[in-house]
Amino acid sequence: MAPNAAEPPSVALSITTRQIRELDLSPLAPLQAANVESLVAMAGQLELELHWPRADDDPRELSEVPEVRLWSLRADALNPWLPLVLERSRGTLTRHVAMLLPHGFSRSEGIRFAPESLDLWITHRLFWLDGWSAEAGVPCRQGLAQMAAVLGFELDPLFWSAAAPPPAEG
C-alpha cells in the first residue's frame, strides 16, 4: 500500500531500555547536530520507539512508568524543538506530551490533558519555537499551528499577532 501523500515520511528512532535507564539521549544526537532549517523541514516526521518491558498484567501506560517519563522529560528539556519534529497522526506527539503534563485516560476519549497545564505548556512552546525559528529566518508557524491542533489546542486567530516582535525603534 502506498503512503498517504498528505503525510510526510516518518523517521523512527529506537530508544532501548538501557538508554532509558541511563537517561542516554545519544539516539537524538544526529538531530541535535541538525540546523534549524533541517529540523523545521522534518516537522511531524520523527517517531520515538520507546522500548520498556512490562509484565502482561501491568496496566500502566508508558507515561506512567517513572523511568520512561524521566527520559522523556530530559529529552524535551535539552531539545525544546522535539515536539515540532515528532510524528503527529499516529500519536507520537501526544504520547510525548503525556510524559510531560498531567493527564487522564479514558477508553472512549483517549488522553485528556489537564486544560490549564496544556494551555501553559503549548503557549510557552509555541513562543519558544516561533522565536527559535524566526531567529534562524525559517518560518514555521503553520507547522506550529498543526502541532497545537493535534493536541486539541485551538489557536486564537490573533495569537501570532500578539506574539509578533515589537517594531524596531529607529
C-alpha atoms as a PDB file:
ATOM      1  CA  MET A   1       0.000   0.000   0.000  1.00  0.00           C
ATOM      2  CA  ALA A   2       1.361   3.439  -0.936  1.00  0.00           C
ATOM      3  CA  PRO A   3       1.882   6.005   1.798  1.00  0.00           C
ATOM      4  CA  ASN A   4      -0.677   8.776   2.093  1.00  0.00           C
ATOM      5  CA  ALA A   5       0.583  11.721   0.039  1.00  0.00           C
ATOM      6  CA  ALA A   6      -0.611  14.166   2.718  1.00  0.00           C
ATOM      7  CA  GLU A   7       1.527  12.541   5.416  1.00  0.00           C
ATOM      8  CA  PRO A   8       5.261  13.231   5.457  1.00  0.00           C
ATOM      9  CA  PRO A   9       7.513  10.181   5.531  1.00  0.00           C
ATOM     10  CA  SER A  10       8.441   9.153   9.039  1.00  0.00           C
ATOM     11  CA  VAL A  11      11.835   8.574  10.605  1.00  0.00           C
ATOM     12  CA  ALA A  12      11.949   6.138  13.516  1.00  0.00           C
ATOM     13  CA  LEU A  13      14.409   6.241  16.379  1.00  0.00           C
ATOM     14  CA  SER A  14      14.565   3.241  18.650  1.00  0.00           C
ATOM     15  CA  ILE A  15      15.193   4.041  22.305  1.00  0.00           C
ATOM     16  CA  THR A  16      16.367   0.974  24.222  1.00  0.00           C
ATOM     17  CA  THR A  17      15.645   0.029  27.802  1.00  0.00           C
ATOM     18  CA  ARG A  18      19.320   0.656  28.647  1.00  0.00           C
ATOM     19  CA  GLN A  19      19.194   4.134  27.126  1.00  0.00           C
ATOM     20  CA  ILE A  20      16.046   4.919  29.099  1.00  0.00           C
ATOM     21  CA  ARG A  21      17.578   3.670  32.369  1.00  0.00           C
ATOM     22  CA  GLU A  22      20.783   5.667  31.791  1.00  0.00           C
ATOM     23  CA  LEU A  23      18.988   8.803  30.535  1.00  0.00           C
ATOM     24  CA  ASP A  24      21.069   8.398  27.392  1.00  0.00           C
ATOM     25  CA  LEU A  25      19.975  10.791  24.665  1.00  0.00           C
ATOM     26  CA  SER A  26      22.533   9.588  22.101  1.00  0.00           C
ATOM     27  CA  PRO A  27      19.822   8.428  19.653  1.00  0.00           C
ATOM     28  CA  LEU A  28      18.899  12.114  19.297  1.00  0.00           C
ATOM     29  CA  ALA A  29      22.493  13.170  18.516  1.00  0.00           C
ATOM     30  CA  PRO A  30      22.007  13.447  14.724  1.00  0.00           C
ATOM     31  CA  LEU A  31      19.031  15.740  15.288  1.00  0.00           C
ATOM     32  CA  GLN A  32      20.874  17.761  17.924  1.00  0.00           C
ATOM     33  CA  ALA A  33      23.552  18.430  15.304  1.00  0.00           C
ATOM     34  CA  ALA A  34      20.997  19.469  12.651  1.00  0.00           C
ATOM     35  CA  ASN A  35      20.370  23.105  11.790  1.00  0.00           C
ATOM     36  CA  VAL A  36      17.038  24.849  12.347  1.00  0.00           C
ATOM     37  CA  GLU A  37      16.057  24.611   8.671  1.00  0.00           C
ATOM     38  CA  SER A  38      16.529  20.827   8.678  1.00  0.00           C
ATOM     39  CA  LEU A  39      14.530  20.412  11.876  1.00  0.00           C
ATOM     40  CA  VAL A  40      11.671  22.593  10.601  1.00  0.00           C
ATOM     41  CA  ALA A  41      11.640  20.598   7.348  1.00  0.00           C
ATOM     42  CA  MET A  42      11.350  17.439   9.439  1.00  0.00           C
ATOM     43  CA  ALA A  43       8.225  18.681  11.282  1.00  0.00           C
ATOM     44  CA  GLY A  44       5.876  15.828  12.130  1.00  0.00           C
ATOM     45  CA  GLN A  45       8.167  13.040  10.919  1.00  0.00           C
ATOM     46  CA  LEU A  46      10.014  11.614  13.930  1.00  0.00           C
ATOM     47  CA  GLU A  47       8.703   8.534  15.678  1.00  0.00           C
ATOM     48  CA  LEU A  48      10.272   7.632  19.007  1.00  0.00           C
ATOM     49  CA  GLU A  49      10.015   3.916  19.685  1.00  0.00           C
ATOM     50  CA  LEU A  50      10.424   3.648  23.444  1.00  0.00           C
ATOM     51  CA  HIS A  51      11.265   0.066  24.417  1.00  0.00           C
ATOM     52  CA  TRP A  52      10.338  -0.665  28.006  1.00  0.00           C
ATOM     53  CA  PRO A  53       9.433  -4.184  29.102  1.00  0.00           C
ATOM     54  CA  ARG A  54       6.216  -4.540  31.065  1.00  0.00           C
ATOM     55  CA  ALA A  55       4.551  -7.584  32.523  1.00  0.00           C
ATOM     56  CA  ASP A  56       1.324  -8.667  30.844  1.00  0.00           C
ATOM     57  CA  ASP A  57      -0.583  -7.706  33.985  1.00  0.00           C
ATOM     58  CA  ASP A  58       0.984  -4.208  34.192  1.00  0.00           C
ATOM     59  CA  PRO A  59      -1.894  -1.827  33.349  1.00  0.00           C
ATOM     60  CA  ARG A  60       0.266   1.313  33.167  1.00  0.00           C
ATOM     61  CA  GLU A  61       0.644   3.412  30.073  1.00  0.00           C
ATOM     62  CA  LEU A  62       4.255   4.278  29.174  1.00  0.00           C
ATOM     63  CA  SER A  63       3.663   7.788  30.522  1.00  0.00           C
ATOM     64  CA  GLU A  64       3.027   6.230  33.940  1.00  0.00           C
ATOM     65  CA  VAL A  65       6.404   4.489  34.052  1.00  0.00           C
ATOM     66  CA  PRO A  66       8.758   6.790  36.020  1.00  0.00           C
ATOM     67  CA  GLU A  67      11.908   5.778  34.123  1.00  0.00           C
ATOM     68  CA  VAL A  68      10.338   6.375  30.707  1.00  0.00           C
ATOM     69  CA  ARG A  69       8.825   9.641  31.859  1.00  0.00           C
ATOM     70  CA  LEU A  70      12.190  10.846  33.198  1.00  0.00           C
ATOM     71  CA  TRP A  71      13.936  10.014  29.898  1.00  0.00           C
ATOM     72  CA  SER A  72      11.240  11.941  28.023  1.00  0.00           C
ATOM     73  CA  LEU A  73      11.471  14.922  30.372  1.00  0.00           C
ATOM     74  CA  ARG A  74      15.231  15.074  29.865  1.00  0.00           C
ATOM     75  CA  ALA A  75      14.895  14.713  26.081  1.00  0.00           C
ATOM     76  CA  ASP A  76      12.354  17.525  25.997  1.00  0.00           C
ATOM     77  CA  ALA A  77      14.324  19.831  28.308  1.00  0.00           C
ATOM     78  CA  LEU A  78      17.530  19.504  26.286  1.00  0.00           C
ATOM     79  CA  ASN A  79      15.786  19.542  22.899  1.00  0.00           C
ATOM     80  CA  PRO A  80      12.900  22.029  23.087  1.00  0.00           C
ATOM     81  CA  TRP A  81      12.319  21.635  19.332  1.00  0.00           C
ATOM     82  CA  LEU A  82      11.456  17.945  19.840  1.00  0.00           C
ATOM     83  CA  PRO A  83       7.638  18.353  19.839  1.00  0.00           C
ATOM     84  CA  LEU A  84       7.844  20.112  16.459  1.00  0.00           C
ATOM     85  CA  VAL A  85       9.539  17.152  14.768  1.00  0.00           C
ATOM     86  CA  LEU A  86       7.515  14.394  16.439  1.00  0.00           C
ATOM     87  CA  GLU A  87       5.093  12.406  14.295  1.00  0.00           C
ATOM     88  CA  ARG A  88       1.509  13.510  14.861  1.00  0.00           C
ATOM     89  CA  SER A  89      -1.066  11.265  13.205  1.00  0.00           C
ATOM     90  CA  ARG A  90      -0.139   8.014  14.963  1.00  0.00           C
ATOM     91  CA  GLY A  91       0.194   9.524  18.439  1.00  0.00           C
ATOM     92  CA  THR A  92       3.930  10.066  18.959  1.00  0.00           C
ATOM     93  CA  LEU A  93       3.497  13.759  19.787  1.00  0.00           C
ATOM     94  CA  THR A  94       0.522  13.120  22.073  1.00  0.00           C
ATOM     95  CA  ARG A  95       2.384  10.349  23.913  1.00  0.00           C
ATOM     96  CA  HIS A  96       5.409  12.619  24.356  1.00  0.00           C
ATOM     97  CA  VAL A  97       3.312  15.443  25.793  1.00  0.00           C
ATOM     98  CA  ALA A  98       1.638  12.914  28.118  1.00  0.00           C
ATOM     99  CA  MET A  99       5.113  12.254  29.525  1.00  0.00           C
ATOM    100  CA  LEU A 100       5.389  15.963  30.395  1.00  0.00           C
ATOM    101  CA  LEU A 101       1.922  17.013  31.557  1.00  0.00           C
ATOM    102  CA  PRO A 102      -0.743  15.814  33.972  1.00  0.00           C
ATOM    103  CA  HIS A 103      -3.420  13.886  32.125  1.00  0.00           C
ATOM    104  CA  GLY A 104      -6.086  11.264  32.393  1.00  0.00           C
ATOM    105  CA  PHE A 105      -7.027   8.466  30.066  1.00  0.00           C
ATOM    106  CA  SER A 106     -10.408   7.114  29.075  1.00  0.00           C
ATOM    107  CA  ARG A 107     -11.149   4.331  26.626  1.00  0.00           C
ATOM    108  CA  SER A 108     -13.705   6.479  24.794  1.00  0.00           C
ATOM    109  CA  GLU A 109     -11.768   9.772  24.648  1.00  0.00           C
ATOM    110  CA  GLY A 110      -8.125   8.696  24.908  1.00  0.00           C
ATOM    111  CA  ILE A 111      -5.657  11.009  26.613  1.00  0.00           C
ATOM    112  CA  ARG A 112      -7.192  14.069  28.226  1.00  0.00           C
ATOM    113  CA  PHE A 113      -4.691  16.691  29.340  1.00  0.00           C
ATOM    114  CA  ALA A 114      -5.303  18.950  32.319  1.00  0.00           C
ATOM    115  CA  PRO A 115      -6.509  22.028  30.387  1.00  0.00           C
ATOM    116  CA  GLU A 116      -4.522  24.631  32.320  1.00  0.00           C
ATOM    117  CA  SER A 117      -1.341  22.592  32.016  1.00  0.00           C
ATOM    118  CA  LEU A 118      -1.784  22.146  28.288  1.00  0.00           C
ATOM    119  CA  ASP A 119      -2.567  25.855  27.828  1.00  0.00           C
ATOM    120  CA  LEU A 120       0.587  26.901  29.656  1.00  0.00           C
ATOM    121  CA  TRP A 121       2.859  24.296  28.073  1.00  0.00           C
ATOM    122  CA  ILE A 122       1.699  24.777  24.481  1.00  0.00           C
ATOM    123  CA  THR A 123       1.739  28.573  24.713  1.00  0.00           C
ATOM    124  CA  HIS A 124       5.265  28.507  26.147  1.00  0.00           C
ATOM    125  CA  ARG A 125       6.430  26.047  23.499  1.00  0.00           C
ATOM    126  CA  LEU A 126       4.800  27.987  20.638  1.00  0.00           C
ATOM    127  CA  PHE A 127       6.520  31.188  21.758  1.00  0.00           C
ATOM    128  CA  TRP A 128       9.867  29.405  22.085  1.00  0.00           C
ATOM    129  CA  LEU A 129       9.644  27.566  18.752  1.00  0.00           C
ATOM    130  CA  ASP A 130       8.445  30.656  16.897  1.00  0.00           C
ATOM    131  CA  GLY A 131      11.321  32.750  18.263  1.00  0.00           C
ATOM    132  CA  TRP A 132      13.859  29.974  17.647  1.00  0.00           C
ATOM    133  CA  SER A 133      12.806  29.522  14.024  1.00  0.00           C
ATOM    134  CA  ALA A 134      12.394  33.251  13.342  1.00  0.00           C
ATOM    135  CA  GLU A 135      15.881  33.919  14.689  1.00  0.00           C
ATOM    136  CA  ALA A 136      17.196  31.499  12.059  1.00  0.00           C
ATOM    137  CA  GLY A 137      14.997  33.026   9.332  1.00  0.00           C
ATOM    138  CA  VAL A 138      12.970  29.836   8.965  1.00  0.00           C
ATOM    139  CA  PRO A 139       9.244  30.460   9.484  1.00  0.00           C
ATOM    140  CA  CYS A 140       7.255  27.561  10.884  1.00  0.00           C
ATOM    141  CA  ARG A 141       4.008  28.990  12.226  1.00  0.00           C
ATOM    142  CA  GLN A 142       1.828  26.748  10.069  1.00  0.00           C
ATOM    143  CA  GLY A 143       3.585  23.663  11.455  1.00  0.00           C
ATOM    144  CA  LEU A 144       3.246  25.022  14.967  1.00  0.00           C
ATOM    145  CA  ALA A 145      -0.487  25.565  14.499  1.00  0.00           C
ATOM    146  CA  GLN A 146      -0.815  21.971  13.254  1.00  0.00           C
ATOM    147  CA  MET A 147       1.169  20.710  16.238  1.00  0.00           C
ATOM    148  CA  ALA A 148      -1.133  22.601  18.613  1.00  0.00           C
ATOM    149  CA  ALA A 149      -4.263  21.332  16.834  1.00  0.00           C
ATOM    150  CA  VAL A 150      -3.168  17.702  17.208  1.00  0.00           C
ATOM    151  CA  LEU A 151      -3.068  18.286  20.950  1.00  0.00           C
ATOM    152  CA  GLY A 152      -6.560  19.767  20.933  1.00  0.00           C
ATOM    153  CA  PHE A 153      -5.325  23.338  21.378  1.00  0.00           C
ATOM    154  CA  GLU A 154      -7.132  25.814  19.169  1.00  0.00           C
ATOM    155  CA  LEU A 155      -5.118  28.930  18.422  1.00  0.00           C
ATOM    156  CA  ASP A 156      -6.968  32.217  18.536  1.00  0.00           C
ATOM    157  CA  PRO A 157      -6.592  33.951  15.136  1.00  0.00           C
ATOM    158  CA  LEU A 158      -4.864  36.839  16.928  1.00  0.00           C
ATOM    159  CA  PHE A 159      -2.316  34.602  18.662  1.00  0.00           C
ATOM    160  CA  TRP A 160       0.522  35.265  16.233  1.00  0.00           C
ATOM    161  CA  SER A 161      -0.137  38.987  16.058  1.00  0.00           C
ATOM    162  CA  ALA A 162       0.219  39.098  19.836  1.00  0.00           C
ATOM    163  CA  ALA A 163       3.427  37.059  19.540  1.00  0.00           C
ATOM    164  CA  ALA A 164       4.963  39.251  16.855  1.00  0.00           C
ATOM    165  CA  PRO A 165       8.075  41.106  17.981  1.00  0.00           C
ATOM    166  CA  PRO A 166       7.627  44.826  18.578  1.00  0.00           C
ATOM    167  CA  PRO A 167       8.691  47.116  15.698  1.00  0.00           C
ATOM    168  CA  ALA A 168      12.326  48.157  15.767  1.00  0.00           C
ATOM    169  CA  GLU A 169      12.936  51.591  17.188  1.00  0.00           C
ATOM    170  CA  GLY A 170      14.605  53.910  14.798  1.00  0.00           C
END
